[in-house]
Amino acid sequence: MTQDPAAEGSLMRLAETLDLNAAAPLCSQILASRGQDLALDASAVRRIGALCTQILLSARATWAADGFALRLVEPSQDLRDGLALMGCADLADANPVQDHAQ
């Protein structure tokens, strides 16, 4: 996962595999961007587990409560399928969760 400092807000590229081993680094990297809009490039994700899904759900709620936008950019079909299996298909929606500019 990398961040693009040139992007407005922050852009973080998600790893190909978001499993138990990826959970702690994912959480730390997301929290490091708290207090600003965050776009998660999910185009390379091939597999997502329940723990990383919980982290993304928690981040969505936290960003919304803080009044910032958090969104998945170009979610892969594998990610969409994995989220749908866990009942979280709306997490891959194109629209930001919260847009503080509105």
C-alpha atoms as a PDB file:
ATOM      1  CA  MET A   1       0.000   0.000   0.000  1.00  0.00           C
ATOM      2  CA  THR A   2       1.398   3.372  -0.977  1.00  0.00           C
ATOM      3  CA  GLN A   3       0.219   6.923  -0.706  1.00  0.00           C
ATOM      4  CA  ASP A   4       0.270   9.556  -3.449  1.00  0.00           C
ATOM      5  CA  PRO A   5       1.072  12.863  -1.740  1.00  0.00           C
ATOM      6  CA  ALA A   6       0.274  14.821  -4.911  1.00  0.00           C
ATOM      7  CA  ALA A   7      -3.383  13.819  -4.767  1.00  0.00           C
ATOM      8  CA  GLU A   8      -5.941  16.141  -3.221  1.00  0.00           C
ATOM      9  CA  GLY A   9      -6.501  14.652   0.200  1.00  0.00           C
ATOM     10  CA  SER A  10      -4.745  11.326   0.093  1.00  0.00           C
ATOM     11  CA  LEU A  11      -4.664   8.345  -2.259  1.00  0.00           C
ATOM     12  CA  MET A  12      -3.712   4.947  -0.876  1.00  0.00           C
ATOM     13  CA  ARG A  13      -3.193   1.917  -3.083  1.00  0.00           C
ATOM     14  CA  LEU A  14      -4.538  -1.231  -1.480  1.00  0.00           C
ATOM     15  CA  ALA A  15      -2.571  -4.479  -1.560  1.00  0.00           C
ATOM     16  CA  GLU A  16      -3.538  -7.374  -3.804  1.00  0.00           C
ATOM     17  CA  THR A  17      -4.347  -9.573  -0.811  1.00  0.00           C
ATOM     18  CA  LEU A  18      -6.202  -8.074   2.148  1.00  0.00           C
ATOM     19  CA  ASP A  19      -6.076 -10.973   4.599  1.00  0.00           C
ATOM     20  CA  LEU A  20      -5.169 -11.398   8.245  1.00  0.00           C
ATOM     21  CA  ASN A  21      -1.516 -10.526   7.555  1.00  0.00           C
ATOM     22  CA  ALA A  22      -2.517  -7.285   5.819  1.00  0.00           C
ATOM     23  CA  ALA A  23      -4.920  -6.116   8.552  1.00  0.00           C
ATOM     24  CA  ALA A  24      -2.523  -4.352  10.943  1.00  0.00           C
ATOM     25  CA  PRO A  25      -0.619  -2.462   8.203  1.00  0.00           C
ATOM     26  CA  LEU A  26      -3.922  -1.529   6.529  1.00  0.00           C
ATOM     27  CA  CYS A  27      -5.318  -0.151   9.767  1.00  0.00           C
ATOM     28  CA  SER A  28      -2.149   1.850  10.515  1.00  0.00           C
ATOM     29  CA  GLN A  29      -1.942   3.327   7.028  1.00  0.00           C
ATOM     30  CA  ILE A  30      -5.599   4.304   6.971  1.00  0.00           C
ATOM     31  CA  LEU A  31      -5.389   5.910  10.424  1.00  0.00           C
ATOM     32  CA  ALA A  32      -2.345   7.909   9.285  1.00  0.00           C
ATOM     33  CA  SER A  33      -4.647   9.677   6.809  1.00  0.00           C
ATOM     34  CA  ARG A  34      -7.339  10.567   9.327  1.00  0.00           C
ATOM     35  CA  GLY A  35      -8.520  14.158   9.189  1.00  0.00           C
ATOM     36  CA  GLN A  36      -8.518  14.441   5.398  1.00  0.00           C
ATOM     37  CA  ASP A  37     -10.364  12.998   2.430  1.00  0.00           C
ATOM     38  CA  LEU A  38      -9.094   9.544   1.542  1.00  0.00           C
ATOM     39  CA  ALA A  39      -9.357   7.605  -1.711  1.00  0.00           C
ATOM     40  CA  LEU A  40      -8.446   3.924  -1.624  1.00  0.00           C
ATOM     41  CA  ASP A  41      -7.252   2.585  -4.983  1.00  0.00           C
ATOM     42  CA  ALA A  42      -8.756  -0.890  -4.932  1.00  0.00           C
ATOM     43  CA  SER A  43      -8.017  -1.836  -8.538  1.00  0.00           C
ATOM     44  CA  ALA A  44      -5.368  -4.443  -7.639  1.00  0.00           C
ATOM     45  CA  VAL A  45      -7.292  -6.219  -4.856  1.00  0.00           C
ATOM     46  CA  ARG A  46      -7.798  -9.902  -5.646  1.00  0.00           C
ATOM     47  CA  ARG A  47      -8.802 -11.173  -2.202  1.00  0.00           C
ATOM     48  CA  ILE A  48     -10.316  -9.627   0.922  1.00  0.00           C
ATOM     49  CA  GLY A  49     -10.939 -11.257   4.273  1.00  0.00           C
ATOM     50  CA  ALA A  50     -13.379 -10.441   7.027  1.00  0.00           C
ATOM     51  CA  LEU A  51     -10.909  -8.537   9.218  1.00  0.00           C
ATOM     52  CA  CYS A  52      -9.861  -6.142   6.446  1.00  0.00           C
ATOM     53  CA  THR A  53     -13.527  -5.710   5.540  1.00  0.00           C
ATOM     54  CA  GLN A  54     -14.195  -4.707   9.163  1.00  0.00           C
ATOM     55  CA  ILE A  55     -11.322  -2.216   9.003  1.00  0.00           C
ATOM     56  CA  LEU A  56     -12.783  -0.633   5.846  1.00  0.00           C
ATOM     57  CA  LEU A  57     -16.258  -0.509   7.411  1.00  0.00           C
ATOM     58  CA  SER A  58     -14.858   1.119  10.544  1.00  0.00           C
ATOM     59  CA  ALA A  59     -12.876   3.610   8.468  1.00  0.00           C
ATOM     60  CA  ARG A  60     -16.015   4.485   6.510  1.00  0.00           C
ATOM     61  CA  ALA A  61     -17.907   5.206   9.736  1.00  0.00           C
ATOM     62  CA  THR A  62     -14.989   7.156  11.229  1.00  0.00           C
ATOM     63  CA  TRP A  63     -14.493   9.330   8.136  1.00  0.00           C
ATOM     64  CA  ALA A  64     -18.242  10.031   7.962  1.00  0.00           C
ATOM     65  CA  ALA A  65     -18.304  11.009  11.655  1.00  0.00           C
ATOM     66  CA  ASP A  66     -15.301  13.294  11.090  1.00  0.00           C
ATOM     67  CA  GLY A  67     -16.972  14.910   8.060  1.00  0.00           C
ATOM     68  CA  PHE A  68     -14.528  13.711   5.424  1.00  0.00           C
ATOM     69  CA  ALA A  69     -14.904  11.612   2.274  1.00  0.00           C
ATOM     70  CA  LEU A  70     -13.625   8.058   2.104  1.00  0.00           C
ATOM     71  CA  ARG A  71     -14.105   6.122  -1.113  1.00  0.00           C
ATOM     72  CA  LEU A  72     -12.845   3.106  -2.994  1.00  0.00           C
ATOM     73  CA  VAL A  73     -11.455   3.984  -6.412  1.00  0.00           C
ATOM     74  CA  GLU A  74     -11.841   1.465  -9.227  1.00  0.00           C
ATOM     75  CA  PRO A  75     -12.660  -1.520  -7.015  1.00  0.00           C
ATOM     76  CA  SER A  76     -11.734  -4.760  -8.772  1.00  0.00           C
ATOM     77  CA  GLN A  77     -14.430  -7.289  -9.547  1.00  0.00           C
ATOM     78  CA  ASP A  78     -12.760  -9.695  -7.103  1.00  0.00           C
ATOM     79  CA  LEU A  79     -13.087  -7.098  -4.346  1.00  0.00           C
ATOM     80  CA  ARG A  80     -16.714  -6.407  -5.270  1.00  0.00           C
ATOM     81  CA  ASP A  81     -17.475 -10.125  -5.181  1.00  0.00           C
ATOM     82  CA  GLY A  82     -15.737 -10.593  -1.816  1.00  0.00           C
ATOM     83  CA  LEU A  83     -17.569  -7.671  -0.254  1.00  0.00           C
ATOM     84  CA  ALA A  84     -20.885  -8.914  -1.640  1.00  0.00           C
ATOM     85  CA  LEU A  85     -20.296 -12.338  -0.072  1.00  0.00           C
ATOM     86  CA  MET A  86     -19.929 -10.626   3.310  1.00  0.00           C
ATOM     87  CA  GLY A  87     -23.026  -8.475   2.819  1.00  0.00           C
ATOM     88  CA  CYS A  88     -21.036  -5.284   2.302  1.00  0.00           C
ATOM     89  CA  ALA A  89     -21.470  -4.660  -1.421  1.00  0.00           C
ATOM     90  CA  ASP A  90     -22.290  -0.994  -0.759  1.00  0.00           C
ATOM     91  CA  LEU A  91     -18.712  -0.461   0.454  1.00  0.00           C
ATOM     92  CA  ALA A  92     -17.580  -0.604  -3.193  1.00  0.00           C
ATOM     93  CA  ASP A  93     -20.033   2.084  -4.328  1.00  0.00           C
ATOM     94  CA  ALA A  94     -18.452   4.815  -6.418  1.00  0.00           C
ATOM     95  CA  ASN A  95     -19.831   7.660  -4.314  1.00  0.00           C
ATOM     96  CA  PRO A  96     -17.886   8.962  -1.330  1.00  0.00           C
ATOM     97  CA  VAL A  97     -19.400   8.081   2.014  1.00  0.00           C
ATOM     98  CA  GLN A  98     -19.339  11.670   3.225  1.00  0.00           C
ATOM     99  CA  ASP A  99     -18.421  14.800   1.295  1.00  0.00           C
ATOM    100  CA  HIS A 100     -17.609  17.674   3.638  1.00  0.00           C
ATOM    101  CA  ALA A 101     -17.792  20.173   0.743  1.00  0.00           C
ATOM    102  CA  GLN A 102     -21.571  19.729   0.432  1.00  0.00           C
END
